[in-house]
Amino acid sequence: SQDMERFSFNTVVAALMELSNTLQRTRAELGATDAWREGREALLLMLAPLAPHVAEECWEVIGRPFSIHQ
């Protein structure tokens, strides 16, 4: 959250990429567990302020009701 407040978007994106890579490795090793699904949703929620259209589309693809921004 500090990086967002300082408008350090490059570090925010880098941290989200690290999370995405970790989620990909976890899914490859353990499959789509409940914890993995929760992590995927958390990633999308954190991505929404930076890439609202992409996050919204992904939110819809995973079958979540309503908008990610609600």
PDB file of N, CA and C in Angstrom:
ATOM      1  N   SER A   1       0.820  -1.198   0.000  1.00  0.00           N
ATOM      2  CA  SER A   1       0.000   0.000   0.000  1.00  0.00           C
ATOM      3  C   SER A   1       0.860   1.258   0.000  1.00  0.00           C
ATOM      4  N   GLN A   2       2.045   1.191   0.604  1.00  0.00           N
ATOM      5  CA  GLN A   2       2.921   2.364   0.625  1.00  0.00           C
ATOM      6  C   GLN A   2       3.370   2.740  -0.781  1.00  0.00           C
ATOM      7  N   ASP A   3       3.658   1.740  -1.597  1.00  0.00           N
ATOM      8  CA  ASP A   3       4.074   2.030  -2.973  1.00  0.00           C
ATOM      9  C   ASP A   3       2.952   2.702  -3.753  1.00  0.00           C
ATOM     10  N   MET A   4       1.723   2.285  -3.530  1.00  0.00           N
ATOM     11  CA  MET A   4       0.586   2.922  -4.204  1.00  0.00           C
ATOM     12  C   MET A   4       0.460   4.377  -3.765  1.00  0.00           C
ATOM     13  N   GLU A   5       0.616   4.623  -2.475  1.00  0.00           N
ATOM     14  CA  GLU A   5       0.502   5.984  -1.959  1.00  0.00           C
ATOM     15  C   GLU A   5       1.607   6.891  -2.494  1.00  0.00           C
ATOM     16  N   ARG A   6       2.779   6.299  -2.769  1.00  0.00           N
ATOM     17  CA  ARG A   6       3.911   7.068  -3.304  1.00  0.00           C
ATOM     18  C   ARG A   6       3.923   7.089  -4.828  1.00  0.00           C
ATOM     19  N   PHE A   7       2.913   6.492  -5.442  1.00  0.00           N
ATOM     20  CA  PHE A   7       2.823   6.410  -6.905  1.00  0.00           C
ATOM     21  C   PHE A   7       4.025   5.664  -7.504  1.00  0.00           C
ATOM     22  N   SER A   8       4.519   4.674  -6.780  1.00  0.00           N
ATOM     23  CA  SER A   8       5.621   3.829  -7.269  1.00  0.00           C
ATOM     24  C   SER A   8       5.020   2.605  -7.938  1.00  0.00           C
ATOM     25  N   PHE A   9       4.382   2.849  -9.071  1.00  0.00           N
ATOM     26  CA  PHE A   9       3.623   1.787  -9.720  1.00  0.00           C
ATOM     27  C   PHE A   9       4.515   0.658 -10.239  1.00  0.00           C
ATOM     28  N   ASN A  10       5.751   0.980 -10.584  1.00  0.00           N
ATOM     29  CA  ASN A  10       6.636  -0.076 -11.072  1.00  0.00           C
ATOM     30  C   ASN A  10       6.893  -1.125  -9.994  1.00  0.00           C
ATOM     31  N   THR A  11       7.049  -0.702  -8.745  1.00  0.00           N
ATOM     32  CA  THR A  11       7.275  -1.672  -7.672  1.00  0.00           C
ATOM     33  C   THR A  11       5.997  -2.417  -7.319  1.00  0.00           C
ATOM     34  N   VAL A  12       4.871  -1.767  -7.477  1.00  0.00           N
ATOM     35  CA  VAL A  12       3.590  -2.446  -7.241  1.00  0.00           C
ATOM     36  C   VAL A  12       3.408  -3.559  -8.274  1.00  0.00           C
ATOM     37  N   VAL A  13       3.641  -3.238  -9.525  1.00  0.00           N
ATOM     38  CA  VAL A  13       3.505  -4.233 -10.598  1.00  0.00           C
ATOM     39  C   VAL A  13       4.501  -5.371 -10.397  1.00  0.00           C
ATOM     40  N   ALA A  14       5.729  -5.047  -9.990  1.00  0.00           N
ATOM     41  CA  ALA A  14       6.738  -6.088  -9.753  1.00  0.00           C
ATOM     42  C   ALA A  14       6.295  -7.030  -8.634  1.00  0.00           C
ATOM     43  N   ALA A  15       5.727  -6.494  -7.575  1.00  0.00           N
ATOM     44  CA  ALA A  15       5.255  -7.332  -6.474  1.00  0.00           C
ATOM     45  C   ALA A  15       4.082  -8.216  -6.915  1.00  0.00           C
ATOM     46  N   LEU A  16       3.186  -7.668  -7.732  1.00  0.00           N
ATOM     47  CA  LEU A  16       2.071  -8.464  -8.241  1.00  0.00           C
ATOM     48  C   LEU A  16       2.562  -9.556  -9.186  1.00  0.00           C
ATOM     49  N   MET A  17       3.611  -9.274  -9.943  1.00  0.00           N
ATOM     50  CA  MET A  17       4.189 -10.303 -10.812  1.00  0.00           C
ATOM     51  C   MET A  17       4.813 -11.421  -9.980  1.00  0.00           C
ATOM     52  N   GLU A  18       5.462 -11.070  -8.879  1.00  0.00           N
ATOM     53  CA  GLU A  18       6.024 -12.087  -7.986  1.00  0.00           C
ATOM     54  C   GLU A  18       4.918 -12.964  -7.420  1.00  0.00           C
ATOM     55  N   LEU A  19       3.822 -12.342  -6.992  1.00  0.00           N
ATOM     56  CA  LEU A  19       2.690 -13.101  -6.480  1.00  0.00           C
ATOM     57  C   LEU A  19       2.116 -14.011  -7.559  1.00  0.00           C
ATOM     58  N   SER A  20       1.985 -13.492  -8.758  1.00  0.00           N
ATOM     59  CA  SER A  20       1.468 -14.292  -9.862  1.00  0.00           C
ATOM     60  C   SER A  20       2.355 -15.504 -10.133  1.00  0.00           C
ATOM     61  N   ASN A  21       3.668 -15.297 -10.131  1.00  0.00           N
ATOM     62  CA  ASN A  21       4.601 -16.404 -10.346  1.00  0.00           C
ATOM     63  C   ASN A  21       4.497 -17.442  -9.233  1.00  0.00           C
ATOM     64  N   THR A  22       4.355 -16.984  -8.011  1.00  0.00           N
ATOM     65  CA  THR A  22       4.205 -17.902  -6.879  1.00  0.00           C
ATOM     66  C   THR A  22       2.919 -18.704  -7.006  1.00  0.00           C
ATOM     67  N   LEU A  23       1.849 -18.040  -7.407  1.00  0.00           N
ATOM     68  CA  LEU A  23       0.573 -18.742  -7.594  1.00  0.00           C
ATOM     69  C   LEU A  23       0.675 -19.778  -8.713  1.00  0.00           C
ATOM     70  N   GLN A  24       1.376 -19.446  -9.777  1.00  0.00           N
ATOM     71  CA  GLN A  24       1.549 -20.404 -10.877  1.00  0.00           C
ATOM     72  C   GLN A  24       2.336 -21.628 -10.421  1.00  0.00           C
ATOM     73  N   ARG A  25       3.412 -21.408  -9.665  1.00  0.00           N
ATOM     74  CA  ARG A  25       4.203 -22.540  -9.155  1.00  0.00           C
ATOM     75  C   ARG A  25       3.381 -23.389  -8.198  1.00  0.00           C
ATOM     76  N   THR A  26       2.608 -22.740  -7.356  1.00  0.00           N
ATOM     77  CA  THR A  26       1.781 -23.459  -6.386  1.00  0.00           C
ATOM     78  C   THR A  26       0.746 -24.315  -7.087  1.00  0.00           C
ATOM     79  N   ARG A  27       0.118 -23.769  -8.108  1.00  0.00           N
ATOM     80  CA  ARG A  27      -0.881 -24.549  -8.841  1.00  0.00           C
ATOM     81  C   ARG A  27      -0.238 -25.734  -9.548  1.00  0.00           C
ATOM     82  N   ALA A  28       0.941 -25.536 -10.088  1.00  0.00           N
ATOM     83  CA  ALA A  28       1.634 -26.630 -10.775  1.00  0.00           C
ATOM     84  C   ALA A  28       2.002 -27.747  -9.800  1.00  0.00           C
ATOM     85  N   GLU A  29       2.360 -27.378  -8.575  1.00  0.00           N
ATOM     86  CA  GLU A  29       2.780 -28.373  -7.593  1.00  0.00           C
ATOM     87  C   GLU A  29       1.610 -29.015  -6.849  1.00  0.00           C
ATOM     88  N   LEU A  30       0.624 -28.211  -6.466  1.00  0.00           N
ATOM     89  CA  LEU A  30      -0.448 -28.691  -5.591  1.00  0.00           C
ATOM     90  C   LEU A  30      -1.816 -28.756  -6.255  1.00  0.00           C
ATOM     91  N   GLY A  31      -1.961 -28.136  -7.410  1.00  0.00           N
ATOM     92  CA  GLY A  31      -3.266 -28.060  -8.049  1.00  0.00           C
ATOM     93  C   GLY A  31      -4.028 -26.837  -7.572  1.00  0.00           C
ATOM     94  N   ALA A  32      -5.269 -26.739  -7.992  1.00  0.00           N
ATOM     95  CA  ALA A  32      -6.105 -25.578  -7.665  1.00  0.00           C
ATOM     96  C   ALA A  32      -6.779 -25.792  -6.314  1.00  0.00           C
ATOM     97  N   THR A  33      -6.045 -25.549  -5.240  1.00  0.00           N
ATOM     98  CA  THR A  33      -6.575 -25.700  -3.890  1.00  0.00           C
ATOM     99  C   THR A  33      -7.406 -24.474  -3.507  1.00  0.00           C
ATOM    100  N   ASP A  34      -8.088 -24.551  -2.381  1.00  0.00           N
ATOM    101  CA  ASP A  34      -8.853 -23.397  -1.900  1.00  0.00           C
ATOM    102  C   ASP A  34      -7.936 -22.212  -1.619  1.00  0.00           C
ATOM    103  N   ALA A  35      -6.767 -22.496  -1.060  1.00  0.00           N
ATOM    104  CA  ALA A  35      -5.813 -21.414  -0.779  1.00  0.00           C
ATOM    105  C   ALA A  35      -5.346 -20.763  -2.073  1.00  0.00           C
ATOM    106  N   TRP A  36      -5.132 -21.574  -3.107  1.00  0.00           N
ATOM    107  CA  TRP A  36      -4.725 -21.024  -4.404  1.00  0.00           C
ATOM    108  C   TRP A  36      -5.827 -20.127  -4.969  1.00  0.00           C
ATOM    109  N   ARG A  37      -7.073 -20.569  -4.876  1.00  0.00           N
ATOM    110  CA  ARG A  37      -8.194 -19.751  -5.376  1.00  0.00           C
ATOM    111  C   ARG A  37      -8.293 -18.433  -4.611  1.00  0.00           C
ATOM    112  N   GLU A  38      -8.089 -18.488  -3.320  1.00  0.00           N
ATOM    113  CA  GLU A  38      -8.117 -17.268  -2.513  1.00  0.00           C
ATOM    114  C   GLU A  38      -6.980 -16.326  -2.927  1.00  0.00           C
ATOM    115  N   GLY A  39      -5.810 -16.871  -3.181  1.00  0.00           N
ATOM    116  CA  GLY A  39      -4.683 -16.061  -3.642  1.00  0.00           C
ATOM    117  C   GLY A  39      -4.948 -15.437  -4.992  1.00  0.00           C
ATOM    118  N   ARG A  40      -5.587 -16.201  -5.881  1.00  0.00           N
ATOM    119  CA  ARG A  40      -5.921 -15.690  -7.216  1.00  0.00           C
ATOM    120  C   ARG A  40      -6.879 -14.503  -7.099  1.00  0.00           C
ATOM    121  N   GLU A  41      -7.877 -14.628  -6.231  1.00  0.00           N
ATOM    122  CA  GLU A  41      -8.819 -13.521  -6.059  1.00  0.00           C
ATOM    123  C   GLU A  41      -8.139 -12.310  -5.428  1.00  0.00           C
ATOM    124  N   ALA A  42      -7.242 -12.547  -4.473  1.00  0.00           N
ATOM    125  CA  ALA A  42      -6.511 -11.438  -3.851  1.00  0.00           C
ATOM    126  C   ALA A  42      -5.657 -10.712  -4.889  1.00  0.00           C
ATOM    127  N   LEU A  43      -5.017 -11.479  -5.761  1.00  0.00           N
ATOM    128  CA  LEU A  43      -4.210 -10.877  -6.824  1.00  0.00           C
ATOM    129  C   LEU A  43      -5.073  -9.983  -7.711  1.00  0.00           C
ATOM    130  N   LEU A  44      -6.238 -10.456  -8.094  1.00  0.00           N
ATOM    131  CA  LEU A  44      -7.117  -9.654  -8.951  1.00  0.00           C
ATOM    132  C   LEU A  44      -7.605  -8.399  -8.234  1.00  0.00           C
ATOM    133  N   LEU A  45      -7.911  -8.516  -6.956  1.00  0.00           N
ATOM    134  CA  LEU A  45      -8.359  -7.345  -6.202  1.00  0.00           C
ATOM    135  C   LEU A  45      -7.258  -6.287  -6.103  1.00  0.00           C
ATOM    136  N   MET A  46      -6.010  -6.735  -5.974  1.00  0.00           N
ATOM    137  CA  MET A  46      -4.898  -5.781  -5.921  1.00  0.00           C
ATOM    138  C   MET A  46      -4.566  -5.223  -7.299  1.00  0.00           C
ATOM    139  N   LEU A  47      -4.862  -5.981  -8.336  1.00  0.00           N
ATOM    140  CA  LEU A  47      -4.609  -5.533  -9.699  1.00  0.00           C
ATOM    141  C   LEU A  47      -5.653  -4.514 -10.164  1.00  0.00           C
ATOM    142  N   ALA A  48      -6.842  -4.572  -9.617  1.00  0.00           N
ATOM    143  CA  ALA A  48      -7.960  -3.745 -10.088  1.00  0.00           C
ATOM    144  C   ALA A  48      -7.665  -2.242 -10.147  1.00  0.00           C
ATOM    145  N   PRO A  49      -7.005  -1.643  -9.156  1.00  0.00           N
ATOM    146  CA  PRO A  49      -6.738  -0.199  -9.273  1.00  0.00           C
ATOM    147  C   PRO A  49      -5.751   0.146 -10.390  1.00  0.00           C
ATOM    148  N   LEU A  50      -4.885  -0.792 -10.738  1.00  0.00           N
ATOM    149  CA  LEU A  50      -3.864  -0.528 -11.755  1.00  0.00           C
ATOM    150  C   LEU A  50      -4.331  -0.858 -13.163  1.00  0.00           C
ATOM    151  N   ALA A  51      -5.093  -1.921 -13.289  1.00  0.00           N
ATOM    152  CA  ALA A  51      -5.568  -2.379 -14.604  1.00  0.00           C
ATOM    153  C   ALA A  51      -7.032  -2.790 -14.460  1.00  0.00           C
ATOM    154  N   PRO A  52      -7.928  -1.812 -14.330  1.00  0.00           N
ATOM    155  CA  PRO A  52      -9.320  -2.126 -14.016  1.00  0.00           C
ATOM    156  C   PRO A  52     -10.028  -2.995 -15.046  1.00  0.00           C
ATOM    157  N   HIS A  53      -9.754  -2.772 -16.319  1.00  0.00           N
ATOM    158  CA  HIS A  53     -10.456  -3.544 -17.356  1.00  0.00           C
ATOM    159  C   HIS A  53      -9.990  -4.991 -17.381  1.00  0.00           C
ATOM    160  N   VAL A  54      -8.694  -5.192 -17.253  1.00  0.00           N
ATOM    161  CA  VAL A  54      -8.150  -6.554 -17.233  1.00  0.00           C
ATOM    162  C   VAL A  54      -8.654  -7.301 -16.003  1.00  0.00           C
ATOM    163  N   ALA A  55      -8.605  -6.648 -14.857  1.00  0.00           N
ATOM    164  CA  ALA A  55      -9.063  -7.283 -13.616  1.00  0.00           C
ATOM    165  C   ALA A  55     -10.546  -7.639 -13.702  1.00  0.00           C
ATOM    166  N   GLU A  56     -11.333  -6.752 -14.273  1.00  0.00           N
ATOM    167  CA  GLU A  56     -12.772  -7.010 -14.420  1.00  0.00           C
ATOM    168  C   GLU A  56     -13.025  -8.220 -15.306  1.00  0.00           C
ATOM    169  N   GLU A  57     -12.321  -8.308 -16.418  1.00  0.00           N
ATOM    170  CA  GLU A  57     -12.484  -9.447 -17.321  1.00  0.00           C
ATOM    171  C   GLU A  57     -12.086 -10.751 -16.642  1.00  0.00           C
ATOM    172  N   CYS A  58     -10.962 -10.744 -15.961  1.00  0.00           N
ATOM    173  CA  CYS A  58     -10.509 -11.959 -15.257  1.00  0.00           C
ATOM    174  C   CYS A  58     -11.482 -12.349 -14.157  1.00  0.00           C
ATOM    175  N   TRP A  59     -12.013 -11.365 -13.441  1.00  0.00           N
ATOM    176  CA  TRP A  59     -12.993 -11.594 -12.373  1.00  0.00           C
ATOM    177  C   TRP A  59     -14.223 -12.302 -12.940  1.00  0.00           C
ATOM    178  N   GLU A  60     -14.654 -11.864 -14.107  1.00  0.00           N
ATOM    179  CA  GLU A  60     -15.813 -12.477 -14.762  1.00  0.00           C
ATOM    180  C   GLU A  60     -15.485 -13.902 -15.217  1.00  0.00           C
ATOM    181  N   VAL A  61     -14.283 -14.100 -15.747  1.00  0.00           N
ATOM    182  CA  VAL A  61     -13.881 -15.423 -16.232  1.00  0.00           C
ATOM    183  C   VAL A  61     -13.863 -16.450 -15.101  1.00  0.00           C
ATOM    184  N   ILE A  62     -13.445 -16.051 -13.906  1.00  0.00           N
ATOM    185  CA  ILE A  62     -13.410 -17.016 -12.806  1.00  0.00           C
ATOM    186  C   ILE A  62     -14.774 -17.225 -12.172  1.00  0.00           C
ATOM    187  N   GLY A  63     -15.777 -16.516 -12.691  1.00  0.00           N
ATOM    188  CA  GLY A  63     -17.142 -16.787 -12.278  1.00  0.00           C
ATOM    189  C   GLY A  63     -17.613 -16.049 -11.043  1.00  0.00           C
ATOM    190  N   ARG A  64     -16.947 -14.979 -10.690  1.00  0.00           N
ATOM    191  CA  ARG A  64     -17.367 -14.210  -9.512  1.00  0.00           C
ATOM    192  C   ARG A  64     -18.554 -13.322  -9.885  1.00  0.00           C
ATOM    193  N   PRO A  65     -19.535 -13.229  -8.980  1.00  0.00           N
ATOM    194  CA  PRO A  65     -20.700 -12.389  -9.272  1.00  0.00           C
ATOM    195  C   PRO A  65     -20.361 -10.906  -9.120  1.00  0.00           C
ATOM    196  N   PHE A  66     -21.111 -10.091  -9.785  1.00  0.00           N
ATOM    197  CA  PHE A  66     -20.981  -8.647  -9.705  1.00  0.00           C
ATOM    198  C   PHE A  66     -19.644  -8.160 -10.236  1.00  0.00           C
ATOM    199  N   SER A  67     -19.379  -6.910 -10.051  1.00  0.00           N
ATOM    200  CA  SER A  67     -18.141  -6.298 -10.524  1.00  0.00           C
ATOM    201  C   SER A  67     -17.048  -6.448  -9.464  1.00  0.00           C
ATOM    202  N   ILE A  68     -15.813  -6.499  -9.901  1.00  0.00           N
ATOM    203  CA  ILE A  68     -14.691  -6.560  -8.962  1.00  0.00           C
ATOM    204  C   ILE A  68     -14.596  -5.266  -8.164  1.00  0.00           C
ATOM    205  N   HIS A  69     -15.185  -4.195  -8.671  1.00  0.00           N
ATOM    206  CA  HIS A  69     -15.100  -2.887  -8.026  1.00  0.00           C
ATOM    207  C   HIS A  69     -16.213  -2.648  -7.011  1.00  0.00           C
ATOM    208  N   GLN A  70     -17.058  -3.626  -6.790  1.00  0.00           N
ATOM    209  CA  GLN A  70     -18.130  -3.470  -5.801  1.00  0.00           C
ATOM    210  C   GLN A  70     -17.728  -4.075  -4.485  1.00  0.00           C
TER     211      GLN A  70
END
